[in-house]
Amino acid sequence: MSRKSFSPATEAPTADGAGESFARAKRSLGQNFLSDPNTAAKIVSACGIAAGDTVIEIGPGRGALTGLIAAAGPSSFLALEKDRELAAHLSRTHPSLAVALTDALRQDWSRLDRLSGNVRIIGNLPYNIASPLLWDLCAGATRFTRAAFMVQHEVALRLCAGPGGREYGALSAWIASHVRVAYCFKVPPTVFRPRPKVDSAVVAMTPLPLSDRPAEPLALAKLLKTLFSKRRKQLGGILKAWRGPELDDWLAGQGIRLTDRPETLAPKQLAGLAEMLKMRLTS
């Protein structure tokens, strides 16, 4: 399956109606529409948009953030929307906005690095796509200035978690290997229509320098999925098939014991272990 480029849809979407009644929330797309202008303003503020920036909005929905983003004066503003009816509504209500009728999960995020100037990314992410989307985005885009996303509160805690806690897992270590994450604020269900059954939260991200990112990302991805699928087991057991004097010496040099469990390893240690095992992980 090929990935799509960052450009407006070539087929213009069409729909009728306006206001909240024009597009009911679709459960299949995980839609819960933000309806509180104060929360919307706080999210846009967390992204730090300034005049002249390039902005990508993911999943604008009914446009709760869109008008505020446009008012900040970006030189370029593209919205990625999967819902045909909502994309059509955005095109009508914001004629100067470029709207791409597309699935954000299918984007090649490395293309953002070709854009000049300050690139900022923002979105109220559906709960059912937030984790895989952020995994791909943080790995693919290396030069954006800042990103701000609203996600399920539980996911926000995982994104910000450090080693040793129960929230720390493959997603935590992967994200921390590519970006710095800041927890901004919690968002209650009451500001959405329809109301979700859980709290949300806003997080902000800035990319790490290329020199601090993992040297073997493909190996790291495979290692994280292997380790954290067996997170209750000890490292000695999980790594048994790959063990030898070289690996044992490396672990000892890092202060890692064979009786430790995956959640005790810091992102840098996991990246180093992936580099040590790259031939076995990627063969």
C-alpha atoms as a PDB file:
ATOM      1  CA  MET A   1       0.000   0.000   0.000  1.00  0.00           C
ATOM      2  CA  SER A   2       1.545   3.285  -1.046  1.00  0.00           C
ATOM      3  CA  ARG A   3       1.686   6.292   1.246  1.00  0.00           C
ATOM      4  CA  LYS A   4       0.093   9.566   0.215  1.00  0.00           C
ATOM      5  CA  SER A   5       1.939  12.852  -0.118  1.00  0.00           C
ATOM      6  CA  PHE A   6       1.030  16.076   1.676  1.00  0.00           C
ATOM      7  CA  SER A   7      -1.233  17.744  -0.848  1.00  0.00           C
ATOM      8  CA  PRO A   8      -4.927  18.628  -1.024  1.00  0.00           C
ATOM      9  CA  ALA A   9      -7.245  15.947  -2.336  1.00  0.00           C
ATOM     10  CA  THR A  10      -7.610  15.964  -6.088  1.00  0.00           C
ATOM     11  CA  GLU A  11     -11.243  14.939  -5.811  1.00  0.00           C
ATOM     12  CA  ALA A  12     -13.269  17.744  -4.247  1.00  0.00           C
ATOM     13  CA  PRO A  13     -15.541  16.364  -1.488  1.00  0.00           C
ATOM     14  CA  THR A  14     -19.147  17.464  -1.411  1.00  0.00           C
ATOM     15  CA  ALA A  15     -21.803  17.520   1.320  1.00  0.00           C
ATOM     16  CA  ASP A  16     -24.895  19.446   2.303  1.00  0.00           C
ATOM     17  CA  GLY A  17     -25.890  21.182   5.507  1.00  0.00           C
ATOM     18  CA  ALA A  18     -24.096  23.205   8.153  1.00  0.00           C
ATOM     19  CA  GLY A  19     -23.765  23.431  11.917  1.00  0.00           C
ATOM     20  CA  GLU A  20     -23.562  20.516  14.342  1.00  0.00           C
ATOM     21  CA  SER A  21     -26.430  18.661  12.677  1.00  0.00           C
ATOM     22  CA  PHE A  22     -24.699  18.407   9.316  1.00  0.00           C
ATOM     23  CA  ALA A  23     -22.392  15.548  10.352  1.00  0.00           C
ATOM     24  CA  ARG A  24     -23.155  13.148  13.160  1.00  0.00           C
ATOM     25  CA  ALA A  25     -20.229  11.626  15.008  1.00  0.00           C
ATOM     26  CA  LYS A  26     -19.192   8.342  13.429  1.00  0.00           C
ATOM     27  CA  ARG A  27     -18.273   5.635  15.900  1.00  0.00           C
ATOM     28  CA  SER A  28     -16.235   3.843  13.226  1.00  0.00           C
ATOM     29  CA  LEU A  29     -13.911   6.869  13.059  1.00  0.00           C
ATOM     30  CA  GLY A  30     -13.754   7.363  16.816  1.00  0.00           C
ATOM     31  CA  GLN A  31     -15.255  10.850  16.533  1.00  0.00           C
ATOM     32  CA  ASN A  32     -15.911  12.958  19.631  1.00  0.00           C
ATOM     33  CA  PHE A  33     -16.126  16.621  18.665  1.00  0.00           C
ATOM     34  CA  LEU A  34     -14.623  19.314  20.895  1.00  0.00           C
ATOM     35  CA  SER A  35     -17.314  21.898  21.698  1.00  0.00           C
ATOM     36  CA  ASP A  36     -15.637  24.197  24.246  1.00  0.00           C
ATOM     37  CA  PRO A  37     -13.918  27.298  22.808  1.00  0.00           C
ATOM     38  CA  ASN A  38     -11.753  27.837  25.904  1.00  0.00           C
ATOM     39  CA  THR A  39     -10.260  24.350  25.613  1.00  0.00           C
ATOM     40  CA  ALA A  40      -9.725  24.870  21.899  1.00  0.00           C
ATOM     41  CA  ALA A  41      -7.846  28.101  22.578  1.00  0.00           C
ATOM     42  CA  LYS A  42      -5.612  26.362  25.139  1.00  0.00           C
ATOM     43  CA  ILE A  43      -4.720  23.610  22.663  1.00  0.00           C
ATOM     44  CA  VAL A  44      -3.787  26.099  19.939  1.00  0.00           C
ATOM     45  CA  SER A  45      -1.762  28.075  22.481  1.00  0.00           C
ATOM     46  CA  ALA A  46       0.126  24.885  23.471  1.00  0.00           C
ATOM     47  CA  CYS A  47       1.295  24.554  19.860  1.00  0.00           C
ATOM     48  CA  GLY A  48       2.774  28.064  19.871  1.00  0.00           C
ATOM     49  CA  ILE A  49       1.672  29.003  16.350  1.00  0.00           C
ATOM     50  CA  ALA A  50       3.045  32.312  15.068  1.00  0.00           C
ATOM     51  CA  ALA A  51       2.633  34.351  11.904  1.00  0.00           C
ATOM     52  CA  GLY A  52       4.554  32.818   9.013  1.00  0.00           C
ATOM     53  CA  ASP A  53       4.547  29.243  10.348  1.00  0.00           C
ATOM     54  CA  THR A  54       3.487  26.207   8.355  1.00  0.00           C
ATOM     55  CA  VAL A  55       0.729  24.284  10.156  1.00  0.00           C
ATOM     56  CA  ILE A  56      -0.603  20.758   9.637  1.00  0.00           C
ATOM     57  CA  GLU A  57      -3.862  20.008  11.439  1.00  0.00           C
ATOM     58  CA  ILE A  58      -4.725  16.335  11.807  1.00  0.00           C
ATOM     59  CA  GLY A  59      -8.411  15.438  12.048  1.00  0.00           C
ATOM     60  CA  PRO A  60      -9.960  18.929  12.233  1.00  0.00           C
ATOM     61  CA  GLY A  61     -13.476  17.490  12.493  1.00  0.00           C
ATOM     62  CA  ARG A  62     -16.019  20.290  12.722  1.00  0.00           C
ATOM     63  CA  GLY A  63     -13.248  22.877  12.910  1.00  0.00           C
ATOM     64  CA  ALA A  64     -13.026  23.611  16.647  1.00  0.00           C
ATOM     65  CA  LEU A  65      -9.340  24.502  16.290  1.00  0.00           C
ATOM     66  CA  THR A  66      -9.269  25.510  12.636  1.00  0.00           C
ATOM     67  CA  GLY A  67     -10.477  29.102  12.932  1.00  0.00           C
ATOM     68  CA  LEU A  68      -8.120  29.798  15.824  1.00  0.00           C
ATOM     69  CA  ILE A  69      -5.189  28.362  13.877  1.00  0.00           C
ATOM     70  CA  ALA A  70      -6.047  30.499  10.838  1.00  0.00           C
ATOM     71  CA  ALA A  71      -6.312  33.582  13.059  1.00  0.00           C
ATOM     72  CA  ALA A  72      -2.720  33.024  14.236  1.00  0.00           C
ATOM     73  CA  GLY A  73      -1.583  33.879  10.697  1.00  0.00           C
ATOM     74  CA  PRO A  74       0.334  30.844   9.406  1.00  0.00           C
ATOM     75  CA  SER A  75       1.771  31.284   5.938  1.00  0.00           C
ATOM     76  CA  SER A  76       0.659  27.766   5.007  1.00  0.00           C
ATOM     77  CA  PHE A  77      -2.150  25.735   6.578  1.00  0.00           C
ATOM     78  CA  LEU A  78      -3.139  22.198   5.575  1.00  0.00           C
ATOM     79  CA  ALA A  79      -5.842  20.085   7.227  1.00  0.00           C
ATOM     80  CA  LEU A  80      -5.868  16.287   6.911  1.00  0.00           C
ATOM     81  CA  GLU A  81      -9.417  14.929   7.230  1.00  0.00           C
ATOM     82  CA  LYS A  82     -10.612  11.383   6.531  1.00  0.00           C
ATOM     83  CA  ASP A  83     -14.351  12.118   6.766  1.00  0.00           C
ATOM     84  CA  ARG A  84     -15.650  13.278   3.369  1.00  0.00           C
ATOM     85  CA  GLU A  85     -18.564  15.262   4.805  1.00  0.00           C
ATOM     86  CA  LEU A  86     -16.389  17.096   7.316  1.00  0.00           C
ATOM     87  CA  ALA A  87     -13.731  17.819   4.686  1.00  0.00           C
ATOM     88  CA  ALA A  88     -16.388  19.418   2.483  1.00  0.00           C
ATOM     89  CA  HIS A  89     -17.664  21.533   5.370  1.00  0.00           C
ATOM     90  CA  LEU A  90     -14.143  22.784   6.130  1.00  0.00           C
ATOM     91  CA  SER A  91     -13.580  23.695   2.477  1.00  0.00           C
ATOM     92  CA  ARG A  92     -16.786  25.771   2.476  1.00  0.00           C
ATOM     93  CA  THR A  93     -16.269  27.520   5.798  1.00  0.00           C
ATOM     94  CA  HIS A  94     -12.525  28.167   5.335  1.00  0.00           C
ATOM     95  CA  PRO A  95     -12.000  28.826   1.601  1.00  0.00           C
ATOM     96  CA  SER A  96      -8.309  29.676   2.031  1.00  0.00           C
ATOM     97  CA  LEU A  97      -7.602  26.402   3.861  1.00  0.00           C
ATOM     98  CA  ALA A  98      -6.040  23.509   1.945  1.00  0.00           C
ATOM     99  CA  VAL A  99      -8.001  20.384   2.888  1.00  0.00           C
ATOM    100  CA  ALA A 100      -6.650  16.936   2.070  1.00  0.00           C
ATOM    101  CA  LEU A 101      -9.268  14.185   2.079  1.00  0.00           C
ATOM    102  CA  THR A 102      -6.956  11.497   3.390  1.00  0.00           C
ATOM    103  CA  ASP A 103      -6.146   9.055   6.164  1.00  0.00           C
ATOM    104  CA  ALA A 104      -3.442  10.389   8.502  1.00  0.00           C
ATOM    105  CA  LEU A 105      -2.358   6.820   9.254  1.00  0.00           C
ATOM    106  CA  ARG A 106      -1.215   6.452   5.638  1.00  0.00           C
ATOM    107  CA  GLN A 107       1.020   9.513   5.486  1.00  0.00           C
ATOM    108  CA  ASP A 108       4.750   9.481   4.895  1.00  0.00           C
ATOM    109  CA  TRP A 109       5.679  11.878   7.691  1.00  0.00           C
ATOM    110  CA  SER A 110       9.275  12.183   6.530  1.00  0.00           C
ATOM    111  CA  ARG A 111       7.961  14.488   3.773  1.00  0.00           C
ATOM    112  CA  LEU A 112       7.495  17.185   6.423  1.00  0.00           C
ATOM    113  CA  ASP A 113      11.264  17.557   6.532  1.00  0.00           C
ATOM    114  CA  ARG A 114      11.149  18.997   3.011  1.00  0.00           C
ATOM    115  CA  LEU A 115       9.082  21.976   4.156  1.00  0.00           C
ATOM    116  CA  SER A 116      10.878  25.221   4.937  1.00  0.00           C
ATOM    117  CA  GLY A 117      10.446  27.425   7.981  1.00  0.00           C
ATOM    118  CA  ASN A 118       8.788  26.526  11.254  1.00  0.00           C
ATOM    119  CA  VAL A 119       6.473  23.536  10.855  1.00  0.00           C
ATOM    120  CA  ARG A 120       3.914  22.921  13.578  1.00  0.00           C
ATOM    121  CA  ILE A 121       1.514  19.984  13.870  1.00  0.00           C
ATOM    122  CA  ILE A 122      -1.707  19.976  15.854  1.00  0.00           C
ATOM    123  CA  GLY A 123      -4.766  17.816  16.292  1.00  0.00           C
ATOM    124  CA  ASN A 124      -7.485  16.355  18.464  1.00  0.00           C
ATOM    125  CA  LEU A 125      -6.670  12.727  17.730  1.00  0.00           C
ATOM    126  CA  PRO A 126      -9.336  10.005  17.759  1.00  0.00           C
ATOM    127  CA  TYR A 127      -8.546   7.606  20.581  1.00  0.00           C
ATOM    128  CA  ASN A 128      -8.380   4.609  18.259  1.00  0.00           C
ATOM    129  CA  ILE A 129      -5.541   5.968  16.103  1.00  0.00           C
ATOM    130  CA  ALA A 130      -3.449   8.098  18.469  1.00  0.00           C
ATOM    131  CA  SER A 131      -0.806   5.523  19.436  1.00  0.00           C
ATOM    132  CA  PRO A 132       0.047   4.180  15.950  1.00  0.00           C
ATOM    133  CA  LEU A 133      -0.150   7.668  14.429  1.00  0.00           C
ATOM    134  CA  LEU A 134       2.245   9.201  16.952  1.00  0.00           C
ATOM    135  CA  TRP A 135       4.588   6.206  16.629  1.00  0.00           C
ATOM    136  CA  ASP A 136       4.885   6.818  12.871  1.00  0.00           C
ATOM    137  CA  LEU A 137       4.928  10.613  13.016  1.00  0.00           C
ATOM    138  CA  CYS A 138       7.669  10.870  15.649  1.00  0.00           C
ATOM    139  CA  ALA A 139       9.831   8.386  13.766  1.00  0.00           C
ATOM    140  CA  GLY A 140       9.286   9.962  10.344  1.00  0.00           C
ATOM    141  CA  ALA A 141       9.398  13.715  10.934  1.00  0.00           C
ATOM    142  CA  THR A 142      12.638  15.062  12.384  1.00  0.00           C
ATOM    143  CA  ARG A 143      12.527  18.822  11.801  1.00  0.00           C
ATOM    144  CA  PHE A 144       9.133  20.130  12.908  1.00  0.00           C
ATOM    145  CA  THR A 145       9.272  22.922  15.479  1.00  0.00           C
ATOM    146  CA  ARG A 146       6.521  21.779  17.839  1.00  0.00           C
ATOM    147  CA  ALA A 147       3.435  19.579  17.918  1.00  0.00           C
ATOM    148  CA  ALA A 148       0.419  19.603  20.240  1.00  0.00           C
ATOM    149  CA  PHE A 149      -2.107  16.781  20.414  1.00  0.00           C
ATOM    150  CA  MET A 150      -5.147  15.923  22.466  1.00  0.00           C
ATOM    151  CA  VAL A 151      -5.264  12.203  23.211  1.00  0.00           C
ATOM    152  CA  GLN A 152      -6.886   9.872  25.707  1.00  0.00           C
ATOM    153  CA  HIS A 153      -5.545  10.645  29.180  1.00  0.00           C
ATOM    154  CA  GLU A 154      -4.231   7.124  29.608  1.00  0.00           C
ATOM    155  CA  VAL A 155      -2.245   7.471  26.369  1.00  0.00           C
ATOM    156  CA  ALA A 156      -0.862  10.836  27.517  1.00  0.00           C
ATOM    157  CA  LEU A 157       0.448   9.182  30.688  1.00  0.00           C
ATOM    158  CA  ARG A 158       2.113   6.473  28.594  1.00  0.00           C
ATOM    159  CA  LEU A 159       3.677   9.059  26.296  1.00  0.00           C
ATOM    160  CA  CYS A 160       5.197  10.893  29.258  1.00  0.00           C
ATOM    161  CA  ALA A 161       6.125   7.845  31.369  1.00  0.00           C
ATOM    162  CA  GLY A 162       9.677   7.113  32.465  1.00  0.00           C
ATOM    163  CA  PRO A 163      11.285   3.749  33.237  1.00  0.00           C
ATOM    164  CA  GLY A 164       9.979   1.777  36.187  1.00  0.00           C
ATOM    165  CA  GLY A 165       6.328   2.819  36.152  1.00  0.00           C
ATOM    166  CA  ARG A 166       3.412   0.714  35.019  1.00  0.00           C
ATOM    167  CA  GLU A 167       2.587   3.205  32.243  1.00  0.00           C
ATOM    168  CA  TYR A 168       6.066   2.833  30.735  1.00  0.00           C
ATOM    169  CA  GLY A 169       6.092   0.549  27.736  1.00  0.00           C
ATOM    170  CA  ALA A 170       7.052   0.216  24.083  1.00  0.00           C
ATOM    171  CA  LEU A 171       5.223   3.414  23.098  1.00  0.00           C
ATOM    172  CA  SER A 172       6.858   5.393  25.926  1.00  0.00           C
ATOM    173  CA  ALA A 173      10.383   4.262  25.028  1.00  0.00           C
ATOM    174  CA  TRP A 174       9.863   4.746  21.277  1.00  0.00           C
ATOM    175  CA  ILE A 175       8.463   8.259  21.612  1.00  0.00           C
ATOM    176  CA  ALA A 176      11.156   9.283  24.123  1.00  0.00           C
ATOM    177  CA  SER A 177      13.802   8.068  21.659  1.00  0.00           C
ATOM    178  CA  HIS A 178      12.583  10.579  19.050  1.00  0.00           C
ATOM    179  CA  VAL A 179      10.966  13.573  20.772  1.00  0.00           C
ATOM    180  CA  ARG A 180      10.664  15.380  24.077  1.00  0.00           C
ATOM    181  CA  VAL A 181       7.142  15.170  25.466  1.00  0.00           C
ATOM    182  CA  ALA A 182       5.493  17.605  27.878  1.00  0.00           C
ATOM    183  CA  TYR A 183       2.162  16.974  29.594  1.00  0.00           C
ATOM    184  CA  CYS A 184       0.171  20.215  29.203  1.00  0.00           C
ATOM    185  CA  PHE A 185      -3.267  19.812  30.802  1.00  0.00           C
ATOM    186  CA  LYS A 186      -6.153  17.423  31.398  1.00  0.00           C
ATOM    187  CA  VAL A 187      -9.450  17.701  29.502  1.00  0.00           C
ATOM    188  CA  PRO A 188     -12.779  16.425  30.939  1.00  0.00           C
ATOM    189  CA  PRO A 189     -15.391  14.517  28.895  1.00  0.00           C
ATOM    190  CA  THR A 190     -17.895  17.363  29.327  1.00  0.00           C
ATOM    191  CA  VAL A 191     -16.303  19.491  26.587  1.00  0.00           C
ATOM    192  CA  PHE A 192     -17.064  16.936  23.857  1.00  0.00           C
ATOM    193  CA  ARG A 193     -20.134  16.017  21.819  1.00  0.00           C
ATOM    194  CA  PRO A 194     -20.811  13.146  22.168  1.00  0.00           C
ATOM    195  CA  ARG A 195     -19.129  12.760  25.538  1.00  0.00           C
ATOM    196  CA  PRO A 196     -16.457  10.064  25.752  1.00  0.00           C
ATOM    197  CA  LYS A 197     -16.358   7.821  28.818  1.00  0.00           C
ATOM    198  CA  VAL A 198     -12.772   8.777  29.692  1.00  0.00           C
ATOM    199  CA  ASP A 199     -10.689  11.890  30.277  1.00  0.00           C
ATOM    200  CA  SER A 200      -8.389  13.381  27.656  1.00  0.00           C
ATOM    201  CA  ALA A 201      -5.141  15.327  27.917  1.00  0.00           C
ATOM    202  CA  VAL A 202      -2.997  17.570  25.751  1.00  0.00           C
ATOM    203  CA  VAL A 203       0.685  16.842  25.210  1.00  0.00           C
ATOM    204  CA  ALA A 204       3.322  18.872  23.374  1.00  0.00           C
ATOM    205  CA  MET A 205       6.300  17.438  21.492  1.00  0.00           C
ATOM    206  CA  THR A 206       9.591  18.738  20.124  1.00  0.00           C
ATOM    207  CA  PRO A 207      12.000  16.581  18.086  1.00  0.00           C
ATOM    208  CA  LEU A 208      15.303  15.422  19.523  1.00  0.00           C
ATOM    209  CA  PRO A 209      18.475  16.330  17.582  1.00  0.00           C
ATOM    210  CA  LEU A 210      19.343  13.715  14.978  1.00  0.00           C
ATOM    211  CA  SER A 211      22.442  12.821  16.995  1.00  0.00           C
ATOM    212  CA  ASP A 212      20.233  11.785  19.932  1.00  0.00           C
ATOM    213  CA  ARG A 213      17.850   9.618  17.942  1.00  0.00           C
ATOM    214  CA  PRO A 214      18.298   5.828  17.684  1.00  0.00           C
ATOM    215  CA  ALA A 215      20.989   4.645  15.283  1.00  0.00           C
ATOM    216  CA  GLU A 216      18.990   1.518  14.372  1.00  0.00           C
ATOM    217  CA  PRO A 217      15.286   2.447  14.461  1.00  0.00           C
ATOM    218  CA  LEU A 218      14.052  -0.702  12.711  1.00  0.00           C
ATOM    219  CA  ALA A 219      15.919  -2.904  15.162  1.00  0.00           C
ATOM    220  CA  LEU A 220      14.673  -0.794  18.078  1.00  0.00           C
ATOM    221  CA  ALA A 221      11.045  -1.113  16.964  1.00  0.00           C
ATOM    222  CA  LYS A 222      11.341  -4.895  16.805  1.00  0.00           C
ATOM    223  CA  LEU A 223      13.171  -5.066  20.125  1.00  0.00           C
ATOM    224  CA  LEU A 224      10.556  -2.967  21.913  1.00  0.00           C
ATOM    225  CA  LYS A 225       7.711  -5.098  20.634  1.00  0.00           C
ATOM    226  CA  THR A 226       9.571  -8.262  21.643  1.00  0.00           C
ATOM    227  CA  LEU A 227      10.486  -7.064  25.127  1.00  0.00           C
ATOM    228  CA  PHE A 228       7.217  -5.441  26.097  1.00  0.00           C
ATOM    229  CA  SER A 229       5.088  -8.309  24.825  1.00  0.00           C
ATOM    230  CA  LYS A 230       6.796 -10.240  27.641  1.00  0.00           C
ATOM    231  CA  ARG A 231       7.189  -7.396  30.098  1.00  0.00           C
ATOM    232  CA  ARG A 232       6.618  -9.557  33.198  1.00  0.00           C
ATOM    233  CA  LYS A 233       9.493 -11.865  32.284  1.00  0.00           C
ATOM    234  CA  GLN A 234      13.144 -11.301  33.136  1.00  0.00           C
ATOM    235  CA  LEU A 235      15.579 -10.111  30.470  1.00  0.00           C
ATOM    236  CA  GLY A 236      17.680 -13.248  30.788  1.00  0.00           C
ATOM    237  CA  GLY A 237      14.733 -15.338  29.666  1.00  0.00           C
ATOM    238  CA  ILE A 238      13.540 -13.004  26.924  1.00  0.00           C
ATOM    239  CA  LEU A 239      17.031 -12.643  25.439  1.00  0.00           C
ATOM    240  CA  LYS A 240      18.014 -16.288  25.938  1.00  0.00           C
ATOM    241  CA  ALA A 241      18.222 -17.110  22.216  1.00  0.00           C
ATOM    242  CA  TRP A 242      20.547 -14.145  21.580  1.00  0.00           C
ATOM    243  CA  ARG A 243      22.801 -14.392  24.606  1.00  0.00           C
ATOM    244  CA  GLY A 244      26.553 -14.845  24.445  1.00  0.00           C
ATOM    245  CA  PRO A 245      29.676 -13.370  26.058  1.00  0.00           C
ATOM    246  CA  GLU A 246      29.473 -10.160  24.018  1.00  0.00           C
ATOM    247  CA  LEU A 247      25.864  -9.427  24.963  1.00  0.00           C
ATOM    248  CA  ASP A 248      26.371 -10.410  28.604  1.00  0.00           C
ATOM    249  CA  ASP A 249      29.402  -8.101  28.842  1.00  0.00           C
ATOM    250  CA  TRP A 250      27.462  -5.245  27.257  1.00  0.00           C
ATOM    251  CA  LEU A 251      24.539  -5.677  29.670  1.00  0.00           C
ATOM    252  CA  ALA A 252      26.923  -5.759  32.636  1.00  0.00           C
ATOM    253  CA  GLY A 253      28.659  -2.614  31.389  1.00  0.00           C
ATOM    254  CA  GLN A 254      25.290  -0.846  31.300  1.00  0.00           C
ATOM    255  CA  GLY A 255      24.447  -1.969  34.822  1.00  0.00           C
ATOM    256  CA  ILE A 256      21.644  -4.166  33.464  1.00  0.00           C
ATOM    257  CA  ARG A 257      21.040  -7.463  35.246  1.00  0.00           C
ATOM    258  CA  LEU A 258      19.593 -10.566  33.642  1.00  0.00           C
ATOM    259  CA  THR A 259      16.940 -10.548  36.377  1.00  0.00           C
ATOM    260  CA  ASP A 260      15.737  -7.053  35.376  1.00  0.00           C
ATOM    261  CA  ARG A 261      12.472  -6.634  33.508  1.00  0.00           C
ATOM    262  CA  PRO A 262      11.983  -4.588  30.317  1.00  0.00           C
ATOM    263  CA  GLU A 263      10.282  -1.639  32.016  1.00  0.00           C
ATOM    264  CA  THR A 264      13.452  -0.893  34.023  1.00  0.00           C
ATOM    265  CA  LEU A 265      15.483  -0.028  30.902  1.00  0.00           C
ATOM    266  CA  ALA A 266      15.814   3.628  29.888  1.00  0.00           C
ATOM    267  CA  PRO A 267      15.233   4.605  26.236  1.00  0.00           C
ATOM    268  CA  LYS A 268      18.982   5.100  25.667  1.00  0.00           C
ATOM    269  CA  GLN A 269      19.704   1.620  27.018  1.00  0.00           C
ATOM    270  CA  LEU A 270      17.041   0.112  24.779  1.00  0.00           C
ATOM    271  CA  ALA A 271      18.443   1.938  21.749  1.00  0.00           C
ATOM    272  CA  GLY A 272      21.926   0.657  22.598  1.00  0.00           C
ATOM    273  CA  LEU A 273      20.652  -2.893  23.028  1.00  0.00           C
ATOM    274  CA  ALA A 274      18.918  -2.669  19.652  1.00  0.00           C
ATOM    275  CA  GLU A 275      22.176  -1.547  18.056  1.00  0.00           C
ATOM    276  CA  MET A 276      23.986  -4.460  19.709  1.00  0.00           C
ATOM    277  CA  LEU A 277      21.418  -6.947  18.383  1.00  0.00           C
ATOM    278  CA  LYS A 278      20.678  -5.281  15.029  1.00  0.00           C
ATOM    279  CA  MET A 279      21.868  -8.158  12.851  1.00  0.00           C
ATOM    280  CA  ARG A 280      19.652 -10.641  14.659  1.00  0.00           C
ATOM    281  CA  LEU A 281      16.662  -8.327  14.880  1.00  0.00           C
ATOM    282  CA  THR A 282      16.629  -7.267  11.225  1.00  0.00           C
ATOM    283  CA  SER A 283      17.717 -10.517   9.512  1.00  0.00           C
END
